[in-house]
């Protein structure tokens, strides 16, 4: 009976935490937490172990098992979710135990920590995708969406959250858009991003064809060409992949591909890391530096020496 009472109490704490966290956690984060906790709970059930509270030895075994088929970044996310589950239930965090830390180090040494990078959507790829697009209402939407994402380096959730009211046209034909909330701006302070003249023209073509008068900028389009509800963020990579295939590009773009491509284009153009961080609204230099490392290598001392020695 004591164990049942304990489980009931833990469940009560989790429900109370979810109530308090309502509105404080983004939908994407909530979905990821739910999916990760389900994977952990299923693994524990299969092994006959307690998922909450968890024992350090169980977590160590979980890390060893998952590392054989998952990336190091994914396993680290699982462990972060398990830690959050325990905090939500007012339990001691077992992920801080030395046994778990050693398992994480063992994973890093065995499999490395380098993550696969999304295929880049740099300017030549973007231009080919735009040129290959048709003139249907759906095509106009796709072109406008890609153009805006390239200019603003928006993540897919930020892209589909843009509203017509967020766009402002300038006298010279260029424009701006307000990104009201992002992964690194959960408080919603917002950021104003530049839109080139050709992007504004593509946005105008889509808006006129779809009859968008207010609200969500990028919407679903039915077979008859009528605009519907706001796109979901999971629609973005699907649309980009379709455009890439139509352009004959051998890439598999994701929602982050434009961020990778623009970071590379900016590096190739000679912009500094701080400028790229500001444009992409990064708080840390880690990811933009990772995205542009190939371009940085070609501008580094070794490349300059090779050029001086006529070996380039």
Protein backbone atom coordinates (compact mmCIF):
# COMPACT_ATOMS: atom_id res chain seq x y z
CA UNK A 1 0.00 0.00 0.00
CA UNK A 2 2.88 2.35 0.79
CA UNK A 3 4.21 1.99 -2.77
CA UNK A 4 0.76 2.82 -4.18
CA UNK A 5 0.53 5.90 -2.00
CA UNK A 6 3.99 6.93 -3.14
CA UNK A 7 3.05 6.57 -6.81
CA UNK A 8 -0.13 8.54 -6.23
CA UNK A 9 1.83 11.28 -4.52
CA UNK A 10 4.35 11.44 -7.35
CA UNK A 11 1.57 11.62 -9.91
CA UNK A 12 -0.04 14.42 -7.92
CA UNK A 13 3.22 16.37 -7.89
CA UNK A 14 3.65 15.96 -11.66
CA UNK A 15 0.09 17.14 -12.31
CA UNK A 16 0.66 20.16 -10.09
CA UNK A 17 3.92 20.95 -11.88
CA UNK A 18 2.19 20.75 -15.25
CA UNK A 19 -0.47 23.16 -14.01
CA UNK A 20 2.13 25.66 -12.81
CA UNK A 21 4.18 25.31 -16.00
CA UNK A 22 1.23 26.00 -18.28
CA UNK A 23 2.12 28.91 -20.55
CA UNK A 24 5.76 28.91 -19.41
CA UNK A 25 6.94 26.10 -21.71
CA UNK A 26 6.75 26.26 -25.48
CA UNK A 27 4.64 23.64 -27.31
CA UNK A 28 7.74 22.24 -29.01
CA UNK A 29 9.54 21.80 -25.69
CA UNK A 30 6.46 20.20 -24.18
CA UNK A 31 6.23 17.69 -27.04
CA UNK A 32 9.93 16.85 -26.73
CA UNK A 33 9.65 16.31 -22.97
CA UNK A 34 6.66 14.04 -23.45
CA UNK A 35 8.37 11.98 -26.14
CA UNK A 36 11.63 11.66 -24.20
CA UNK A 37 9.93 10.68 -20.95
CA UNK A 38 7.92 8.03 -22.83
CA UNK A 39 11.13 6.51 -24.20
CA UNK A 40 12.68 6.42 -20.71
CA UNK A 41 9.56 4.96 -19.11
CA UNK A 42 9.22 2.27 -21.78
CA UNK A 43 12.87 1.28 -21.36
CA UNK A 44 12.46 1.01 -17.60
CA UNK A 45 9.28 -1.06 -17.95
CA UNK A 46 11.07 -3.46 -20.29
CA UNK A 47 13.96 -3.78 -17.82
CA UNK A 48 11.71 -4.03 -14.76
CA UNK A 49 13.15 -0.84 -13.27
CA UNK A 50 11.63 2.25 -11.67
CA UNK A 51 11.53 5.29 -13.93
CA UNK A 52 10.56 7.70 -11.16
CA UNK A 53 12.42 7.82 -8.91
CA UNK A 54 15.31 6.44 -10.93
CA UNK A 55 18.46 4.84 -9.62
CA UNK A 56 21.87 6.02 -10.93
CA UNK A 57 22.80 2.49 -12.00
CA UNK A 58 19.64 2.30 -14.10
CA UNK A 59 20.46 5.61 -15.74
CA UNK A 60 24.01 4.48 -16.43
CA UNK A 61 22.70 1.33 -18.14
CA UNK A 62 20.20 3.43 -20.10
CA UNK A 63 22.98 5.70 -21.39
CA UNK A 64 25.10 2.70 -22.43
CA UNK A 65 22.14 1.13 -24.24
CA UNK A 66 20.88 4.24 -26.02
CA UNK A 67 24.36 5.33 -27.12
CA UNK A 68 24.61 2.32 -29.41
CA UNK A 69 21.79 3.60 -31.64
CA UNK A 70 21.24 7.28 -30.81
CA UNK A 71 23.43 10.35 -31.23
CA UNK A 72 25.23 11.73 -28.19
CA UNK A 73 23.11 14.88 -28.43
CA UNK A 74 19.89 12.83 -28.28
CA UNK A 75 21.06 10.85 -25.24
CA UNK A 76 22.06 14.07 -23.48
CA UNK A 77 18.58 15.40 -24.16
CA UNK A 78 17.05 12.23 -22.68
CA UNK A 79 19.11 12.69 -19.51
CA UNK A 80 18.10 16.35 -19.26
CA UNK A 81 14.44 15.32 -19.55
CA UNK A 82 14.84 12.70 -16.82
CA UNK A 83 16.43 15.32 -14.58
CA UNK A 84 13.50 17.63 -15.24
CA UNK A 85 11.01 14.85 -14.42
CA UNK A 86 12.63 14.40 -11.02
CA UNK A 87 12.66 18.12 -10.28
CA UNK A 88 9.00 18.34 -11.27
CA UNK A 89 8.22 15.56 -8.80
CA UNK A 90 10.33 17.24 -6.06
CA UNK A 91 12.79 14.32 -6.08
CA UNK A 92 16.57 14.32 -5.89
CA UNK A 93 18.16 14.49 -9.33
CA UNK A 94 19.89 11.13 -9.99
CA UNK A 95 21.55 12.42 -13.16
CA UNK A 96 24.05 14.31 -10.96
CA UNK A 97 25.41 11.07 -9.57
CA UNK A 98 29.01 10.24 -10.48
CA UNK A 99 27.88 6.91 -11.95
CA UNK A 100 25.76 8.73 -14.54
CA UNK A 101 28.47 11.32 -15.25
CA UNK A 102 30.93 8.50 -15.94
CA UNK A 103 28.44 6.86 -18.31
CA UNK A 104 28.10 10.15 -20.22
CA UNK A 105 31.89 10.50 -20.46
CA UNK A 106 32.16 6.88 -21.59
CA UNK A 107 29.62 7.59 -24.33
CA UNK A 108 31.49 10.70 -25.47
CA UNK A 109 34.81 8.86 -25.68
CA UNK A 110 33.29 5.89 -27.50
CA UNK A 111 31.07 7.70 -29.96
CA UNK A 112 32.24 11.30 -29.97
CA UNK A 113 30.10 14.40 -29.49
CA UNK A 114 30.10 15.83 -33.00
CA UNK A 115 26.57 16.25 -34.35
CA UNK A 116 25.50 15.77 -37.94
CA UNK A 117 24.89 19.13 -39.56
CA UNK A 118 21.75 19.94 -41.54
CA UNK A 119 22.25 20.34 -45.28
CA UNK A 120 22.88 23.98 -46.05
CA UNK A 121 20.50 26.17 -48.03
CA UNK A 122 22.98 28.76 -49.24
CA UNK A 123 22.25 31.42 -51.84
CA UNK A 124 22.90 29.35 -54.98
CA UNK A 125 20.59 26.60 -53.68
CA UNK A 126 17.91 29.13 -52.70
CA UNK A 127 18.06 30.78 -56.14
CA UNK A 128 17.68 27.41 -57.89
CA UNK A 129 14.71 26.46 -55.70
CA UNK A 130 13.01 29.78 -56.41
CA UNK A 131 13.69 29.51 -60.16
CA UNK A 132 12.23 25.98 -60.27
CA UNK A 133 9.01 26.93 -58.47
CA UNK A 134 5.78 27.28 -60.44
CA UNK A 135 3.22 30.05 -60.39
CA UNK A 136 0.42 28.38 -58.43
CA UNK A 137 -0.73 30.02 -55.20
CA UNK A 138 1.04 27.28 -53.25
CA UNK A 139 4.26 27.95 -55.17
CA UNK A 140 4.04 31.67 -54.44
CA UNK A 141 3.70 30.84 -50.74
CA UNK A 142 6.68 28.51 -50.82
CA UNK A 143 8.89 31.04 -52.58
CA UNK A 144 7.88 33.84 -50.18
CA UNK A 145 8.46 31.58 -47.19
CA UNK A 146 11.92 30.51 -48.37
CA UNK A 147 12.90 34.10 -49.18
CA UNK A 148 11.85 35.36 -45.76
CA UNK A 149 13.58 32.48 -43.98
CA UNK A 150 16.83 33.14 -45.81
CA UNK A 151 16.81 36.87 -44.99
CA UNK A 152 15.90 36.39 -41.34
CA UNK A 153 17.53 33.03 -40.47
CA UNK A 154 14.32 32.06 -38.72
CA UNK A 155 13.83 28.67 -37.14
CA UNK A 156 10.77 26.84 -38.46
CA UNK A 157 8.65 27.65 -35.38
CA UNK A 158 9.53 31.34 -35.73
CA UNK A 159 8.77 31.28 -39.46
CA UNK A 160 5.22 29.96 -39.15
CA UNK A 161 4.51 32.36 -36.25
CA UNK A 162 5.01 35.46 -38.44
CA UNK A 163 1.82 37.48 -38.93
CA UNK A 164 0.99 39.97 -41.67
CA UNK A 165 1.03 42.72 -39.05
CA UNK A 166 4.68 41.91 -38.33
CA UNK A 167 5.78 43.02 -41.82
CA UNK A 168 6.63 46.67 -42.49
CA UNK A 169 7.61 48.12 -45.88
CA UNK A 170 10.28 50.81 -46.17
CA UNK A 171 10.39 53.66 -48.69
CA UNK A 172 13.23 52.08 -50.68
CA UNK A 173 11.24 48.86 -51.23
CA UNK A 174 12.99 46.82 -48.58
CA UNK A 175 11.24 45.88 -45.37
CA UNK A 176 11.43 44.55 -41.84
CA UNK A 177 9.73 41.79 -39.88
CA UNK A 178 9.36 41.41 -36.13
CA UNK A 179 10.26 37.97 -34.78
CA UNK A 180 8.18 38.18 -31.63
CA UNK A 181 9.41 35.05 -29.86
CA UNK A 182 12.18 32.54 -30.44
CA UNK A 183 14.06 29.67 -28.86
CA UNK A 184 16.52 32.14 -27.33
CA UNK A 185 13.86 34.74 -26.53
CA UNK A 186 11.25 32.94 -24.45
CA UNK A 187 10.29 36.21 -22.73
CA UNK A 188 9.07 37.57 -26.07
CA UNK A 189 11.18 40.74 -26.24
CA UNK A 190 11.21 40.34 -30.02
CA UNK A 191 13.75 41.16 -32.72
CA UNK A 192 13.47 43.24 -35.89
CA UNK A 193 14.98 41.61 -39.00
CA UNK A 194 15.75 43.06 -42.42
CA UNK A 195 13.92 41.93 -45.57
CA UNK A 196 15.48 42.56 -48.98
CA UNK A 197 13.54 44.22 -51.80
CA UNK A 198 13.14 40.99 -53.77
CA UNK A 199 11.82 39.26 -50.65
CA UNK A 200 9.24 42.00 -50.14
CA UNK A 201 8.12 41.57 -53.76
CA UNK A 202 7.72 37.82 -53.29
CA UNK A 203 5.79 38.37 -50.08
CA UNK A 204 3.48 40.81 -51.88
CA UNK A 205 2.82 38.28 -54.66
CA UNK A 206 1.83 35.62 -52.12
CA UNK A 207 -0.27 37.97 -49.99
CA UNK A 208 -2.19 39.27 -53.02
CA UNK A 209 -2.75 35.81 -54.52
CA UNK A 210 -3.88 34.29 -51.20
CA UNK A 211 -5.93 37.28 -50.08
CA UNK A 212 -4.25 37.43 -46.69
CA UNK A 213 -5.64 40.47 -44.88
CA UNK A 214 -4.46 39.85 -41.32
CA UNK A 215 -3.15 37.18 -38.98
CA UNK A 216 -0.94 34.28 -40.00
CA UNK A 217 1.27 35.08 -42.98
CA UNK A 218 2.03 31.55 -44.15
CA UNK A 219 -1.00 29.29 -44.49
CA UNK A 220 -2.08 26.00 -45.93
CA UNK A 221 -3.39 26.08 -49.51
CA UNK A 222 -6.00 23.63 -50.84
CA UNK A 223 -6.12 22.15 -54.34
CA UNK A 224 -8.27 25.03 -55.49
CA UNK A 225 -5.65 27.57 -54.44
CA UNK A 226 -7.59 28.85 -51.43
CA UNK A 227 -5.57 29.77 -48.33
CA UNK A 228 -6.56 28.15 -45.05
CA UNK A 229 -5.11 27.96 -41.55
CA UNK A 230 -1.62 28.77 -40.34
CA UNK A 231 1.05 26.27 -41.35
CA UNK A 232 2.45 23.98 -38.67
CA UNK A 233 6.20 24.09 -38.08
CA UNK A 234 6.51 20.47 -39.22
CA UNK A 235 5.26 21.58 -42.66
CA UNK A 236 8.40 23.67 -43.23
CA UNK A 237 10.95 20.87 -43.90
CA UNK A 238 8.39 19.04 -46.05
CA UNK A 239 7.92 22.13 -48.23
CA UNK A 240 11.65 22.79 -48.46
CA UNK A 241 12.35 19.18 -49.46
CA UNK A 242 9.73 19.41 -52.22
CA UNK A 243 11.29 22.60 -53.54
CA UNK A 244 14.79 21.08 -53.45
CA UNK A 245 13.63 18.02 -55.37
CA UNK A 246 11.93 20.20 -58.00
CA UNK A 247 15.20 22.12 -58.40
CA UNK A 248 17.19 18.91 -58.83
CA UNK A 249 19.28 19.51 -55.71
CA UNK A 250 20.87 16.54 -54.00
CA UNK A 251 20.16 17.79 -50.48
CA UNK A 252 17.72 16.95 -47.71
CA UNK A 253 16.87 20.34 -46.15
CA UNK A 254 15.51 20.66 -42.64
CA UNK A 255 14.01 23.56 -40.72
CA UNK A 256 17.56 24.67 -39.80
CA UNK A 257 19.06 24.45 -43.29
CA UNK A 258 18.60 28.15 -44.05
CA UNK A 259 20.39 29.09 -40.81
CA UNK A 260 23.30 26.88 -41.81
CA UNK A 261 23.39 28.26 -45.35
CA UNK A 262 23.19 31.93 -44.39
CA UNK A 263 25.89 31.50 -41.72
CA UNK A 264 28.13 29.97 -44.39
CA UNK A 265 27.31 32.70 -46.92
CA UNK A 266 28.04 35.42 -44.36
CA UNK A 267 31.35 33.82 -43.42
CA UNK A 268 32.34 33.51 -47.09
CA UNK A 269 31.46 37.20 -47.55
CA UNK A 270 33.85 38.15 -44.76
CA UNK A 271 31.45 38.90 -41.92
CA UNK A 272 32.67 38.28 -38.38
CA UNK A 273 31.24 35.81 -35.91
CA UNK A 274 29.64 38.53 -33.78
CA UNK A 275 27.79 39.88 -36.82
CA UNK A 276 26.53 36.40 -37.71
CA UNK A 277 25.40 35.82 -34.11
CA UNK A 278 23.43 39.07 -34.17
CA UNK A 279 21.78 38.25 -37.49
CA UNK A 280 20.79 34.75 -36.37
CA UNK A 281 19.90 35.78 -32.81
CA UNK A 282 22.37 33.31 -31.31
CA UNK A 283 23.35 33.80 -27.67
CA UNK A 284 26.37 31.51 -27.99
CA UNK A 285 29.00 31.37 -30.76
CA UNK A 286 29.07 27.56 -30.74
CA UNK A 287 26.52 26.81 -33.47
CA UNK A 288 27.32 29.61 -35.97
CA UNK A 289 31.01 28.72 -35.64
CA UNK A 290 30.15 25.06 -36.23
CA UNK A 291 28.01 25.89 -39.26
CA UNK A 292 30.73 27.96 -40.91
CA UNK A 293 33.81 25.97 -39.96
CA UNK A 294 34.54 24.89 -43.56
CA UNK A 295 34.47 28.50 -44.75
CA UNK A 296 36.59 29.57 -41.79
CA UNK A 297 39.17 26.90 -42.65
CA UNK A 298 39.45 28.23 -46.20
CA UNK A 299 40.11 31.71 -44.80
CA UNK A 300 42.53 30.54 -42.11
CA UNK A 301 46.30 30.74 -41.84
CA UNK A 302 46.88 27.34 -43.45
CA UNK A 303 44.87 28.34 -46.54
CA UNK A 304 46.67 31.70 -46.76
CA UNK A 305 50.04 29.96 -46.50
CA UNK A 306 49.09 27.52 -49.26
CA UNK A 307 48.10 30.44 -51.49
CA UNK A 308 51.42 32.22 -50.84
CA UNK A 309 53.25 29.03 -51.74
CA UNK A 310 51.15 28.66 -54.93
CA UNK A 311 49.69 25.40 -53.64
CA UNK A 312 46.09 26.60 -53.42
